């Protein structure tokens, strides 16, 4: 998802989303790729903590 779209979906300003995404990237929870002027953000599914949270959310959906 583009950083702009993420900010819109979250209902926050672009710079707030950017700051939070930078922190998440530093911690290894997301990956950020640039394509021209667009920054694409995706969850880092190789991070063990991310996998645990993903599995937990999937289990909660089944309840």
C-alpha atoms as a PDB file:
ATOM      1  CA  UNK A   1       0.000   0.000   0.000  1.00  0.00           C
ATOM      2  CA  UNK A   2       1.318   3.449  -0.755  1.00  0.00           C
ATOM      3  CA  UNK A   3       2.259   5.625   2.178  1.00  0.00           C
ATOM      4  CA  UNK A   4      -0.281   8.229   1.051  1.00  0.00           C
ATOM      5  CA  UNK A   5      -3.070   5.627   0.926  1.00  0.00           C
ATOM      6  CA  UNK A   6      -2.023   4.279   4.327  1.00  0.00           C
ATOM      7  CA  UNK A   7      -2.262   7.774   5.836  1.00  0.00           C
ATOM      8  CA  UNK A   8      -5.701   8.272   4.304  1.00  0.00           C
ATOM      9  CA  UNK A   9      -6.967   4.888   5.527  1.00  0.00           C
ATOM     10  CA  UNK A  10      -5.612   5.568   9.029  1.00  0.00           C
ATOM     11  CA  UNK A  11      -7.090   9.071   9.084  1.00  0.00           C
ATOM     12  CA  UNK A  12      -3.774  10.732   9.888  1.00  0.00           C
ATOM     13  CA  UNK A  13      -1.592  13.279   8.148  1.00  0.00           C
ATOM     14  CA  UNK A  14       1.018  12.034   5.689  1.00  0.00           C
ATOM     15  CA  UNK A  15       3.944  13.144   7.884  1.00  0.00           C
ATOM     16  CA  UNK A  16       2.516  11.327  10.905  1.00  0.00           C
ATOM     17  CA  UNK A  17       2.159   8.123   8.896  1.00  0.00           C
ATOM     18  CA  UNK A  18       5.645   8.553   7.476  1.00  0.00           C
ATOM     19  CA  UNK A  19       7.153   8.967  10.930  1.00  0.00           C
ATOM     20  CA  UNK A  20       5.364   5.878  12.260  1.00  0.00           C
ATOM     21  CA  UNK A  21       6.285   3.794   9.217  1.00  0.00           C
ATOM     22  CA  UNK A  22       9.937   4.817   9.584  1.00  0.00           C
ATOM     23  CA  UNK A  23       9.878   3.556  13.182  1.00  0.00           C
ATOM     24  CA  UNK A  24       8.208   0.300  12.120  1.00  0.00           C
ATOM     25  CA  UNK A  25      10.808  -0.113   9.376  1.00  0.00           C
ATOM     26  CA  UNK A  26      13.690   0.457  11.821  1.00  0.00           C
ATOM     27  CA  UNK A  27      12.238  -2.295  14.019  1.00  0.00           C
ATOM     28  CA  UNK A  28      11.847  -4.645  11.059  1.00  0.00           C
ATOM     29  CA  UNK A  29       8.039  -4.857  11.134  1.00  0.00           C
ATOM     30  CA  UNK A  30       7.491  -3.372   7.672  1.00  0.00           C
ATOM     31  CA  UNK A  31       9.433  -3.010   4.452  1.00  0.00           C
ATOM     32  CA  UNK A  32       9.385   0.178   2.401  1.00  0.00           C
ATOM     33  CA  UNK A  33      10.101   0.280  -1.313  1.00  0.00           C
ATOM     34  CA  UNK A  34      10.340   3.344  -3.516  1.00  0.00           C
ATOM     35  CA  UNK A  35       8.927   3.427  -6.999  1.00  0.00           C
ATOM     36  CA  UNK A  36       9.632   6.877  -8.353  1.00  0.00           C
ATOM     37  CA  UNK A  37       7.984   9.294  -5.934  1.00  0.00           C
ATOM     38  CA  UNK A  38       5.703   6.622  -4.465  1.00  0.00           C
ATOM     39  CA  UNK A  39       6.704   4.788  -1.292  1.00  0.00           C
ATOM     40  CA  UNK A  40       5.162   1.353  -0.940  1.00  0.00           C
ATOM     41  CA  UNK A  41       4.787  -0.139   2.538  1.00  0.00           C
ATOM     42  CA  UNK A  42       4.238  -3.817   3.249  1.00  0.00           C
ATOM     43  CA  UNK A  43       4.322  -6.028   6.301  1.00  0.00           C
ATOM     44  CA  UNK A  44       7.597  -7.908   6.788  1.00  0.00           C
ATOM     45  CA  UNK A  45       6.368 -11.496   6.960  1.00  0.00           C
ATOM     46  CA  UNK A  46       9.893 -12.712   7.685  1.00  0.00           C
ATOM     47  CA  UNK A  47       9.836 -11.057  11.122  1.00  0.00           C
ATOM     48  CA  UNK A  48       8.915 -13.606  13.807  1.00  0.00           C
ATOM     49  CA  UNK A  49       6.946 -11.082  15.868  1.00  0.00           C
ATOM     50  CA  UNK A  50       4.906 -10.074  12.813  1.00  0.00           C
ATOM     51  CA  UNK A  51       4.081 -13.721  12.138  1.00  0.00           C
ATOM     52  CA  UNK A  52       2.917 -14.190  15.743  1.00  0.00           C
ATOM     53  CA  UNK A  53       0.622 -11.152  15.563  1.00  0.00           C
ATOM     54  CA  UNK A  54      -0.708 -12.240  12.142  1.00  0.00           C
ATOM     55  CA  UNK A  55      -1.520 -15.710  13.482  1.00  0.00           C
ATOM     56  CA  UNK A  56      -3.190 -14.228  16.553  1.00  0.00           C
ATOM     57  CA  UNK A  57      -5.389 -11.970  14.445  1.00  0.00           C
ATOM     58  CA  UNK A  58      -6.367 -14.924  12.238  1.00  0.00           C
ATOM     59  CA  UNK A  59      -7.319 -16.930  15.343  1.00  0.00           C
ATOM     60  CA  UNK A  60      -9.410 -14.039  16.664  1.00  0.00           C
ATOM     61  CA  UNK A  61     -11.300 -13.871  13.360  1.00  0.00           C
ATOM     62  CA  UNK A  62     -12.372 -17.484  13.873  1.00  0.00           C
ATOM     63  CA  UNK A  63     -13.939 -16.761  17.281  1.00  0.00           C
END
